[in-house]
Amino acid sequence: MKTQYYTAASLDGFIATEDDSLDWLFSLGHADEAGYPAFIAEVGALAMGSATYEWLLRHAREVEAETGSAWPYTQPTCVFSTRSLPAVAGANLSFVRGDVRPIHSAMRAAAGEKNVWIVGGGDLAGQFYDAGLLDEVIVSVSAVTLGTGKPLFPRRVINPPLSLVSVRQVGNAFAELRYQVRRS
């Protein structure tokens, strides 16, 4: 079982524009081409921040057209937020706040033998990293630059650095980089 931050980013290190748009990403190809079906099959629980959750709420029609459901996940999902947010009918959601450590323990129990996916954003993934709970970073780096936006991982990771495990070309727009988080 691993706790993984799996995401896509622009070549200059942003996961979304300043206004949380992902239009740049979806113009580059379909998630199935990037191995998403195999990845999600190994996920037993998810964590996301409120901006990611609200993006899913704002795009529920598109998500439903793509997946057949307004909520695309069957796994239990923890949404980290300090605000009250509306729930999606039929979704297995928990709204949580505070330290990621006790919530991570509950997520691992819910995931069983499968992985925990930190969907986003970058700061939430950074909180799991800071707590020593992040095992792997998988990022599909795209062939576009955004100039500004929401950073991939707003943390300094220098000593020890992440350890590159694999590089894979995905179509003509992405390079998937898989890093293991090393502990000091």
N, C-alpha and C. Protein backbone atom coordinates (compact mmCIF):
# COMPACT_ATOMS: atom_id res chain seq x y z
N MET A 1 0.83 -1.18 0.00
CA MET A 1 0.00 0.00 0.00
C MET A 1 0.88 1.25 0.00
N LYS A 2 0.53 2.21 -0.88
CA LYS A 2 1.28 3.45 -0.99
C LYS A 2 0.32 4.63 -0.87
N THR A 3 0.85 5.74 -0.44
CA THR A 3 0.13 7.01 -0.52
C THR A 3 0.78 7.77 -1.66
N GLN A 4 -0.02 8.07 -2.69
CA GLN A 4 0.49 8.59 -3.94
C GLN A 4 -0.14 9.94 -4.29
N TYR A 5 0.67 10.84 -4.77
CA TYR A 5 0.19 12.09 -5.36
C TYR A 5 0.31 11.89 -6.86
N TYR A 6 -0.81 11.73 -7.54
CA TYR A 6 -0.87 11.45 -8.97
C TYR A 6 -1.58 12.62 -9.62
N THR A 7 -0.88 13.32 -10.53
CA THR A 7 -1.45 14.52 -11.12
C THR A 7 -0.79 14.80 -12.46
N ALA A 8 -1.26 15.85 -13.11
CA ALA A 8 -0.64 16.36 -14.32
C ALA A 8 -0.23 17.80 -14.05
N ALA A 9 0.80 18.24 -14.73
CA ALA A 9 1.29 19.60 -14.54
C ALA A 9 1.79 20.16 -15.86
N SER A 10 1.78 21.47 -15.95
CA SER A 10 2.37 22.13 -17.10
C SER A 10 3.89 22.00 -17.02
N LEU A 11 4.55 22.27 -18.11
CA LEU A 11 6.01 22.17 -18.15
C LEU A 11 6.66 23.10 -17.14
N ASP A 12 5.99 24.21 -16.82
CA ASP A 12 6.54 25.15 -15.84
C ASP A 12 6.00 24.93 -14.42
N GLY A 13 5.39 23.77 -14.17
CA GLY A 13 5.11 23.34 -12.81
C GLY A 13 3.79 23.76 -12.19
N PHE A 14 2.75 23.96 -13.00
CA PHE A 14 1.44 24.32 -12.46
C PHE A 14 0.41 23.23 -12.77
N ILE A 15 -0.48 22.98 -11.80
CA ILE A 15 -1.51 21.95 -11.98
C ILE A 15 -2.83 22.55 -12.43
N ALA A 16 -2.98 23.85 -12.32
CA ALA A 16 -4.19 24.56 -12.77
C ALA A 16 -3.81 26.02 -12.95
N THR A 17 -4.67 26.75 -13.67
CA THR A 17 -4.46 28.18 -13.81
C THR A 17 -4.81 28.86 -12.49
N GLU A 18 -4.58 30.16 -12.41
CA GLU A 18 -4.88 30.90 -11.18
C GLU A 18 -6.35 30.80 -10.79
N ASP A 19 -7.24 30.65 -11.79
CA ASP A 19 -8.68 30.54 -11.51
C ASP A 19 -9.15 29.08 -11.52
N ASP A 20 -8.24 28.15 -11.28
CA ASP A 20 -8.53 26.71 -11.16
C ASP A 20 -9.01 26.05 -12.46
N SER A 21 -8.70 26.64 -13.59
CA SER A 21 -9.10 26.03 -14.86
C SER A 21 -8.14 24.90 -15.24
N LEU A 22 -8.74 23.84 -15.80
CA LEU A 22 -7.97 22.71 -16.33
C LEU A 22 -8.17 22.57 -17.84
N ASP A 23 -8.73 23.59 -18.47
CA ASP A 23 -9.00 23.52 -19.91
C ASP A 23 -7.74 23.19 -20.69
N TRP A 24 -6.60 23.73 -20.28
CA TRP A 24 -5.33 23.47 -20.95
C TRP A 24 -5.00 21.98 -20.95
N LEU A 25 -5.36 21.29 -19.86
CA LEU A 25 -5.04 19.87 -19.70
C LEU A 25 -5.90 19.00 -20.61
N PHE A 26 -7.20 19.27 -20.60
CA PHE A 26 -8.12 18.41 -21.34
C PHE A 26 -7.98 18.56 -22.85
N SER A 27 -7.36 19.64 -23.29
CA SER A 27 -7.14 19.80 -24.72
C SER A 27 -5.98 18.94 -25.23
N LEU A 28 -5.24 18.31 -24.30
CA LEU A 28 -4.04 17.57 -24.68
C LEU A 28 -4.25 16.06 -24.86
N GLY A 29 -5.42 15.54 -24.49
CA GLY A 29 -5.64 14.10 -24.64
C GLY A 29 -6.57 13.57 -23.57
N HIS A 30 -6.85 12.30 -23.67
CA HIS A 30 -7.79 11.63 -22.77
C HIS A 30 -7.03 10.91 -21.66
N ALA A 31 -7.61 10.91 -20.45
CA ALA A 31 -6.96 10.29 -19.28
C ALA A 31 -6.67 8.81 -19.50
N ASP A 32 -7.51 8.12 -20.27
CA ASP A 32 -7.29 6.69 -20.50
C ASP A 32 -5.95 6.43 -21.19
N GLU A 33 -5.52 7.38 -22.01
CA GLU A 33 -4.25 7.22 -22.72
C GLU A 33 -3.06 7.30 -21.77
N ALA A 34 -3.26 7.93 -20.62
CA ALA A 34 -2.17 8.11 -19.66
C ALA A 34 -2.09 6.99 -18.63
N GLY A 35 -2.89 5.96 -18.78
CA GLY A 35 -2.84 4.86 -17.83
C GLY A 35 -3.72 5.05 -16.61
N TYR A 36 -4.62 6.02 -16.67
CA TYR A 36 -5.50 6.29 -15.53
C TYR A 36 -6.33 5.07 -15.12
N PRO A 37 -6.92 4.33 -16.03
CA PRO A 37 -7.72 3.17 -15.60
C PRO A 37 -6.93 2.17 -14.75
N ALA A 38 -5.70 1.90 -15.11
CA ALA A 38 -4.87 0.98 -14.32
C ALA A 38 -4.53 1.60 -12.97
N PHE A 39 -4.26 2.91 -12.96
CA PHE A 39 -3.94 3.58 -11.70
C PHE A 39 -5.13 3.54 -10.74
N ILE A 40 -6.31 3.96 -11.19
CA ILE A 40 -7.46 4.07 -10.31
C ILE A 40 -7.93 2.70 -9.82
N ALA A 41 -7.65 1.65 -10.58
CA ALA A 41 -8.02 0.29 -10.15
C ALA A 41 -7.27 -0.12 -8.89
N GLU A 42 -6.13 0.51 -8.62
CA GLU A 42 -5.31 0.19 -7.45
C GLU A 42 -5.55 1.15 -6.28
N VAL A 43 -6.52 2.06 -6.42
CA VAL A 43 -6.79 3.07 -5.39
C VAL A 43 -7.95 2.61 -4.52
N GLY A 44 -7.75 2.66 -3.19
CA GLY A 44 -8.80 2.27 -2.26
C GLY A 44 -9.43 3.42 -1.50
N ALA A 45 -8.77 4.58 -1.49
CA ALA A 45 -9.31 5.77 -0.81
C ALA A 45 -8.64 7.00 -1.41
N LEU A 46 -9.35 8.13 -1.37
CA LEU A 46 -8.86 9.36 -1.96
C LEU A 46 -8.91 10.50 -0.95
N ALA A 47 -8.03 11.49 -1.17
CA ALA A 47 -8.05 12.74 -0.41
C ALA A 47 -7.96 13.87 -1.42
N MET A 48 -8.75 14.92 -1.19
CA MET A 48 -8.67 16.10 -2.05
C MET A 48 -8.96 17.35 -1.24
N GLY A 49 -8.44 18.45 -1.72
CA GLY A 49 -8.71 19.73 -1.10
C GLY A 49 -10.02 20.30 -1.62
N SER A 50 -10.43 21.40 -1.02
CA SER A 50 -11.71 21.99 -1.38
C SER A 50 -11.72 22.54 -2.80
N ALA A 51 -10.60 23.09 -3.30
CA ALA A 51 -10.58 23.62 -4.67
C ALA A 51 -10.80 22.50 -5.68
N THR A 52 -10.18 21.35 -5.45
CA THR A 52 -10.38 20.19 -6.34
C THR A 52 -11.83 19.72 -6.28
N TYR A 53 -12.36 19.62 -5.08
CA TYR A 53 -13.75 19.19 -4.90
C TYR A 53 -14.71 20.16 -5.58
N GLU A 54 -14.49 21.45 -5.37
CA GLU A 54 -15.39 22.45 -5.99
C GLU A 54 -15.27 22.44 -7.50
N TRP A 55 -14.09 22.13 -8.05
CA TRP A 55 -13.95 21.99 -9.49
C TRP A 55 -14.85 20.85 -9.97
N LEU A 56 -14.82 19.74 -9.26
CA LEU A 56 -15.68 18.60 -9.63
C LEU A 56 -17.16 18.98 -9.56
N LEU A 57 -17.54 19.75 -8.56
CA LEU A 57 -18.94 20.20 -8.46
C LEU A 57 -19.31 21.09 -9.64
N ARG A 58 -18.44 22.04 -9.98
CA ARG A 58 -18.70 22.97 -11.09
C ARG A 58 -18.77 22.25 -12.43
N HIS A 59 -18.10 21.13 -12.56
CA HIS A 59 -18.03 20.41 -13.83
C HIS A 59 -18.79 19.09 -13.78
N ALA A 60 -19.79 19.01 -12.92
CA ALA A 60 -20.54 17.75 -12.73
C ALA A 60 -21.16 17.26 -14.03
N ARG A 61 -21.64 18.15 -14.88
CA ARG A 61 -22.25 17.71 -16.15
C ARG A 61 -21.23 17.04 -17.06
N GLU A 62 -20.06 17.66 -17.17
CA GLU A 62 -19.01 17.08 -18.01
C GLU A 62 -18.51 15.76 -17.43
N VAL A 63 -18.37 15.73 -16.10
CA VAL A 63 -17.93 14.50 -15.43
C VAL A 63 -18.95 13.39 -15.69
N GLU A 64 -20.24 13.72 -15.57
CA GLU A 64 -21.29 12.72 -15.80
C GLU A 64 -21.30 12.24 -17.25
N ALA A 65 -21.10 13.16 -18.19
CA ALA A 65 -21.05 12.77 -19.60
C ALA A 65 -19.88 11.83 -19.86
N GLU A 66 -18.78 12.06 -19.17
CA GLU A 66 -17.56 11.25 -19.35
C GLU A 66 -17.64 9.90 -18.64
N THR A 67 -18.18 9.91 -17.41
CA THR A 67 -18.11 8.71 -16.56
C THR A 67 -19.44 8.04 -16.30
N GLY A 68 -20.55 8.73 -16.61
CA GLY A 68 -21.87 8.17 -16.33
C GLY A 68 -22.41 8.53 -14.97
N SER A 69 -21.63 9.33 -14.20
CA SER A 69 -22.05 9.72 -12.87
C SER A 69 -21.48 11.11 -12.56
N ALA A 70 -22.24 11.90 -11.81
CA ALA A 70 -21.76 13.23 -11.43
C ALA A 70 -20.57 13.14 -10.48
N TRP A 71 -20.45 12.00 -9.77
CA TRP A 71 -19.30 11.75 -8.91
C TRP A 71 -18.54 10.58 -9.50
N PRO A 72 -17.30 10.79 -9.94
CA PRO A 72 -16.60 9.76 -10.71
C PRO A 72 -15.91 8.65 -9.91
N TYR A 73 -15.99 8.70 -8.57
CA TYR A 73 -15.24 7.75 -7.75
C TYR A 73 -16.17 6.87 -6.93
N THR A 74 -15.81 5.60 -6.81
CA THR A 74 -16.55 4.69 -5.94
C THR A 74 -15.86 4.57 -4.58
N GLN A 75 -14.60 4.96 -4.52
CA GLN A 75 -13.81 4.84 -3.30
C GLN A 75 -14.23 5.91 -2.28
N PRO A 76 -14.04 5.59 -0.98
CA PRO A 76 -14.26 6.62 0.03
C PRO A 76 -13.32 7.80 -0.21
N THR A 77 -13.86 9.01 -0.06
CA THR A 77 -13.10 10.22 -0.34
C THR A 77 -13.17 11.18 0.83
N CYS A 78 -12.02 11.64 1.27
CA CYS A 78 -11.94 12.68 2.31
C CYS A 78 -11.68 14.01 1.61
N VAL A 79 -12.57 14.97 1.88
CA VAL A 79 -12.42 16.31 1.33
C VAL A 79 -11.94 17.21 2.47
N PHE A 80 -10.74 17.75 2.33
CA PHE A 80 -10.16 18.64 3.34
C PHE A 80 -10.63 20.06 3.07
N SER A 81 -11.32 20.63 4.05
CA SER A 81 -11.80 22.00 3.90
C SER A 81 -12.11 22.59 5.27
N THR A 82 -11.91 23.88 5.39
CA THR A 82 -12.29 24.58 6.61
C THR A 82 -13.70 25.16 6.47
N ARG A 83 -14.30 25.01 5.29
CA ARG A 83 -15.63 25.54 5.01
C ARG A 83 -16.64 24.42 4.90
N SER A 84 -17.90 24.76 5.03
CA SER A 84 -18.98 23.79 4.78
C SER A 84 -19.22 23.74 3.28
N LEU A 85 -19.22 22.53 2.74
CA LEU A 85 -19.43 22.34 1.30
C LEU A 85 -20.60 21.40 1.09
N PRO A 86 -21.30 21.54 -0.04
CA PRO A 86 -22.42 20.63 -0.31
C PRO A 86 -21.90 19.24 -0.67
N ALA A 87 -22.66 18.23 -0.28
CA ALA A 87 -22.30 16.85 -0.60
C ALA A 87 -22.90 16.46 -1.95
N VAL A 88 -22.28 15.50 -2.59
CA VAL A 88 -22.79 14.93 -3.83
C VAL A 88 -23.61 13.71 -3.45
N ALA A 89 -24.85 13.67 -3.89
CA ALA A 89 -25.74 12.55 -3.57
C ALA A 89 -25.12 11.24 -4.04
N GLY A 90 -25.09 10.26 -3.16
CA GLY A 90 -24.59 8.94 -3.49
C GLY A 90 -23.08 8.78 -3.40
N ALA A 91 -22.34 9.86 -3.16
CA ALA A 91 -20.88 9.78 -3.06
C ALA A 91 -20.48 9.40 -1.63
N ASN A 92 -19.44 8.60 -1.52
CA ASN A 92 -18.92 8.18 -0.22
C ASN A 92 -17.91 9.23 0.25
N LEU A 93 -18.42 10.34 0.83
CA LEU A 93 -17.60 11.49 1.19
C LEU A 93 -17.53 11.70 2.69
N SER A 94 -16.37 12.18 3.13
CA SER A 94 -16.19 12.68 4.48
C SER A 94 -15.55 14.05 4.35
N PHE A 95 -16.12 15.03 5.01
CA PHE A 95 -15.54 16.36 5.02
C PHE A 95 -14.71 16.48 6.30
N VAL A 96 -13.43 16.78 6.13
CA VAL A 96 -12.49 16.74 7.25
C VAL A 96 -11.67 18.02 7.27
N ARG A 97 -11.05 18.27 8.42
CA ARG A 97 -10.16 19.42 8.55
C ARG A 97 -9.07 19.07 9.55
N GLY A 98 -8.01 19.85 9.49
CA GLY A 98 -6.95 19.66 10.47
C GLY A 98 -5.81 18.81 9.98
N ASP A 99 -5.09 18.28 10.94
CA ASP A 99 -3.89 17.48 10.71
C ASP A 99 -4.20 16.26 9.84
N VAL A 100 -3.37 16.03 8.83
CA VAL A 100 -3.60 14.91 7.91
C VAL A 100 -3.30 13.55 8.54
N ARG A 101 -2.49 13.51 9.60
CA ARG A 101 -2.05 12.23 10.17
C ARG A 101 -3.20 11.33 10.63
N PRO A 102 -4.10 11.78 11.51
CA PRO A 102 -5.17 10.87 11.94
C PRO A 102 -6.13 10.52 10.81
N ILE A 103 -6.32 11.44 9.88
CA ILE A 103 -7.20 11.18 8.75
C ILE A 103 -6.55 10.16 7.82
N HIS A 104 -5.24 10.25 7.67
CA HIS A 104 -4.52 9.28 6.84
C HIS A 104 -4.67 7.87 7.40
N SER A 105 -4.62 7.73 8.71
CA SER A 105 -4.80 6.41 9.33
C SER A 105 -6.16 5.83 8.96
N ALA A 106 -7.20 6.65 9.03
CA ALA A 106 -8.55 6.20 8.67
C ALA A 106 -8.63 5.87 7.18
N MET A 107 -7.96 6.66 6.35
CA MET A 107 -7.96 6.40 4.91
C MET A 107 -7.26 5.09 4.58
N ARG A 108 -6.14 4.83 5.25
CA ARG A 108 -5.43 3.55 5.02
C ARG A 108 -6.32 2.37 5.40
N ALA A 109 -7.04 2.50 6.51
CA ALA A 109 -7.94 1.43 6.92
C ALA A 109 -9.05 1.24 5.88
N ALA A 110 -9.59 2.33 5.36
CA ALA A 110 -10.64 2.26 4.35
C ALA A 110 -10.13 1.69 3.03
N ALA A 111 -8.86 1.96 2.71
CA ALA A 111 -8.28 1.50 1.44
C ALA A 111 -7.97 0.01 1.43
N GLY A 112 -7.89 -0.60 2.60
CA GLY A 112 -7.55 -2.02 2.65
C GLY A 112 -6.14 -2.23 2.14
N GLU A 113 -5.98 -3.09 1.15
CA GLU A 113 -4.66 -3.38 0.59
C GLU A 113 -4.31 -2.47 -0.58
N LYS A 114 -5.22 -1.57 -0.92
CA LYS A 114 -5.01 -0.69 -2.07
C LYS A 114 -4.34 0.61 -1.64
N ASN A 115 -4.06 1.45 -2.62
CA ASN A 115 -3.33 2.70 -2.38
C ASN A 115 -4.26 3.83 -1.98
N VAL A 116 -3.67 4.85 -1.38
CA VAL A 116 -4.35 6.10 -1.06
C VAL A 116 -3.87 7.13 -2.09
N TRP A 117 -4.82 7.80 -2.74
CA TRP A 117 -4.51 8.78 -3.77
C TRP A 117 -4.77 10.18 -3.24
N ILE A 118 -3.73 10.99 -3.23
CA ILE A 118 -3.88 12.42 -2.94
C ILE A 118 -4.16 13.07 -4.29
N VAL A 119 -5.43 13.40 -4.53
CA VAL A 119 -5.87 13.89 -5.84
C VAL A 119 -5.32 15.29 -6.08
N GLY A 120 -5.36 16.12 -5.09
CA GLY A 120 -4.90 17.49 -5.21
C GLY A 120 -5.61 18.35 -4.19
N GLY A 121 -5.12 19.47 -4.05
CA GLY A 121 -4.07 20.14 -4.77
C GLY A 121 -2.69 19.92 -4.20
N GLY A 122 -1.80 20.73 -4.75
CA GLY A 122 -0.41 20.62 -4.40
C GLY A 122 -0.12 20.87 -2.93
N ASP A 123 -0.82 21.82 -2.33
CA ASP A 123 -0.58 22.09 -0.91
C ASP A 123 -1.02 20.92 -0.05
N LEU A 124 -2.14 20.29 -0.39
CA LEU A 124 -2.58 19.12 0.38
C LEU A 124 -1.55 17.99 0.26
N ALA A 125 -1.05 17.75 -0.95
CA ALA A 125 0.00 16.74 -1.12
C ALA A 125 1.21 17.11 -0.28
N GLY A 126 1.52 18.41 -0.22
CA GLY A 126 2.64 18.88 0.59
C GLY A 126 2.43 18.63 2.07
N GLN A 127 1.19 18.73 2.54
CA GLN A 127 0.91 18.44 3.95
C GLN A 127 1.17 16.96 4.26
N PHE A 128 0.80 16.08 3.35
CA PHE A 128 1.09 14.65 3.54
C PHE A 128 2.61 14.42 3.51
N TYR A 129 3.30 15.12 2.63
CA TYR A 129 4.76 15.03 2.58
C TYR A 129 5.37 15.51 3.90
N ASP A 130 4.93 16.67 4.36
CA ASP A 130 5.46 17.25 5.61
C ASP A 130 5.29 16.29 6.79
N ALA A 131 4.18 15.55 6.78
CA ALA A 131 3.88 14.61 7.88
C ALA A 131 4.60 13.27 7.69
N GLY A 132 5.38 13.11 6.62
CA GLY A 132 6.10 11.86 6.37
C GLY A 132 5.19 10.75 5.87
N LEU A 133 4.07 11.09 5.26
CA LEU A 133 3.08 10.09 4.85
C LEU A 133 3.02 9.86 3.35
N LEU A 134 3.70 10.65 2.56
CA LEU A 134 3.66 10.52 1.11
C LEU A 134 4.76 9.57 0.66
N ASP A 135 4.39 8.57 -0.13
CA ASP A 135 5.35 7.57 -0.61
C ASP A 135 5.81 7.80 -2.04
N GLU A 136 4.93 8.37 -2.87
CA GLU A 136 5.23 8.43 -4.29
C GLU A 136 4.57 9.66 -4.91
N VAL A 137 5.28 10.28 -5.86
CA VAL A 137 4.75 11.37 -6.66
C VAL A 137 4.78 10.89 -8.11
N ILE A 138 3.62 10.90 -8.74
CA ILE A 138 3.51 10.52 -10.15
C ILE A 138 2.93 11.73 -10.87
N VAL A 139 3.73 12.34 -11.72
CA VAL A 139 3.28 13.55 -12.42
C VAL A 139 3.46 13.39 -13.91
N SER A 140 2.41 13.69 -14.64
CA SER A 140 2.48 13.73 -16.10
C SER A 140 2.75 15.17 -16.49
N VAL A 141 3.96 15.43 -16.93
CA VAL A 141 4.37 16.78 -17.31
C VAL A 141 3.94 17.01 -18.76
N SER A 142 3.19 18.09 -18.98
CA SER A 142 2.63 18.35 -20.30
C SER A 142 3.53 19.24 -21.15
N ALA A 143 3.16 19.35 -22.41
CA ALA A 143 3.93 20.10 -23.38
C ALA A 143 3.45 21.55 -23.49
N VAL A 144 2.84 22.08 -22.42
CA VAL A 144 2.39 23.48 -22.41
C VAL A 144 2.97 24.18 -21.19
N THR A 145 3.04 25.50 -21.26
CA THR A 145 3.40 26.31 -20.11
C THR A 145 2.25 27.25 -19.81
N LEU A 146 2.08 27.57 -18.53
CA LEU A 146 0.98 28.44 -18.10
C LEU A 146 1.46 29.80 -17.62
N GLY A 147 2.72 29.91 -17.25
CA GLY A 147 3.24 31.18 -16.77
C GLY A 147 2.98 31.43 -15.30
N THR A 148 1.75 31.21 -14.87
CA THR A 148 1.35 31.33 -13.47
C THR A 148 0.24 30.33 -13.22
N GLY A 149 -0.06 30.13 -11.95
CA GLY A 149 -1.16 29.23 -11.62
C GLY A 149 -0.95 28.59 -10.27
N LYS A 150 -1.61 27.44 -10.08
CA LYS A 150 -1.52 26.68 -8.84
C LYS A 150 -0.32 25.75 -8.93
N PRO A 151 0.66 25.89 -8.02
CA PRO A 151 1.89 25.10 -8.13
C PRO A 151 1.68 23.61 -7.90
N LEU A 152 2.48 22.84 -8.60
CA LEU A 152 2.47 21.38 -8.49
C LEU A 152 2.72 20.92 -7.06
N PHE A 153 3.72 21.49 -6.42
CA PHE A 153 4.12 21.02 -5.09
C PHE A 153 4.80 22.19 -4.37
N PRO A 154 4.04 23.02 -3.69
CA PRO A 154 4.61 24.22 -3.09
C PRO A 154 5.42 23.93 -1.82
N ARG A 155 6.45 23.14 -1.97
CA ARG A 155 7.35 22.77 -0.88
C ARG A 155 8.77 22.72 -1.43
N ARG A 156 9.72 22.92 -0.54
CA ARG A 156 11.10 22.67 -0.89
C ARG A 156 11.40 21.22 -0.55
N VAL A 157 11.85 20.48 -1.54
CA VAL A 157 12.27 19.09 -1.32
C VAL A 157 13.69 19.01 -1.86
N ILE A 158 14.63 19.10 -0.94
CA ILE A 158 16.04 19.18 -1.35
C ILE A 158 16.86 18.05 -0.76
N ASN A 159 16.74 17.82 0.53
CA ASN A 159 17.61 16.86 1.18
C ASN A 159 16.82 15.97 2.12
N PRO A 160 16.54 14.75 1.75
CA PRO A 160 16.96 14.12 0.49
C PRO A 160 16.00 14.47 -0.65
N PRO A 161 16.52 14.47 -1.88
CA PRO A 161 15.65 14.72 -3.02
C PRO A 161 14.76 13.49 -3.28
N LEU A 162 13.74 13.71 -4.08
CA LEU A 162 12.94 12.58 -4.54
C LEU A 162 13.82 11.68 -5.39
N SER A 163 13.47 10.40 -5.47
CA SER A 163 14.25 9.45 -6.25
C SER A 163 13.45 9.05 -7.50
N LEU A 164 13.98 9.37 -8.67
CA LEU A 164 13.31 9.04 -9.92
C LEU A 164 13.28 7.54 -10.13
N VAL A 165 12.06 6.99 -10.28
CA VAL A 165 11.88 5.54 -10.44
C VAL A 165 11.67 5.18 -11.91
N SER A 166 10.88 6.01 -12.64
CA SER A 166 10.64 5.71 -14.04
C SER A 166 10.21 6.96 -14.80
N VAL A 167 10.42 6.89 -16.11
CA VAL A 167 10.00 7.93 -17.05
C VAL A 167 9.31 7.21 -18.20
N ARG A 168 8.14 7.74 -18.58
CA ARG A 168 7.39 7.09 -19.67
C ARG A 168 6.79 8.17 -20.55
N GLN A 169 6.96 8.04 -21.86
CA GLN A 169 6.31 8.96 -22.79
C GLN A 169 4.86 8.55 -22.95
N VAL A 170 3.95 9.53 -22.87
CA VAL A 170 2.53 9.28 -23.05
C VAL A 170 2.07 10.16 -24.21
N GLY A 171 1.81 9.52 -25.36
CA GLY A 171 1.44 10.28 -26.55
C GLY A 171 2.55 11.23 -26.94
N ASN A 172 2.17 12.37 -27.54
CA ASN A 172 3.20 13.34 -27.90
C ASN A 172 3.10 14.60 -27.05
N ALA A 173 2.34 14.53 -25.94
CA ALA A 173 2.15 15.71 -25.12
C ALA A 173 2.61 15.55 -23.67
N PHE A 174 2.90 14.32 -23.22
CA PHE A 174 3.21 14.12 -21.80
C PHE A 174 4.43 13.23 -21.59
N ALA A 175 5.13 13.51 -20.50
CA ALA A 175 6.15 12.61 -19.97
C ALA A 175 5.71 12.28 -18.54
N GLU A 176 5.45 11.02 -18.27
CA GLU A 176 5.06 10.62 -16.92
C GLU A 176 6.31 10.33 -16.11
N LEU A 177 6.47 11.06 -15.03
CA LEU A 177 7.61 10.90 -14.13
C LEU A 177 7.11 10.29 -12.83
N ARG A 178 7.76 9.24 -12.40
CA ARG A 178 7.38 8.57 -11.15
C ARG A 178 8.56 8.68 -10.19
N TYR A 179 8.28 9.29 -9.02
CA TYR A 179 9.31 9.51 -8.01
C TYR A 179 8.93 8.81 -6.71
N GLN A 180 9.91 8.23 -6.07
CA GLN A 180 9.74 7.69 -4.73
C GLN A 180 10.18 8.78 -3.74
N VAL A 181 9.40 8.95 -2.69
CA VAL A 181 9.76 9.89 -1.64
C VAL A 181 10.75 9.20 -0.71
N ARG A 182 11.92 9.80 -0.58
CA ARG A 182 12.94 9.26 0.31
C ARG A 182 12.83 9.94 1.66
N ARG A 183 13.04 9.19 2.70
CA ARG A 183 12.99 9.73 4.06
C ARG A 183 14.41 10.07 4.51
N SER A 184 14.53 11.15 5.28
CA SER A 184 15.86 11.52 5.76
C SER A 184 16.23 10.71 6.98
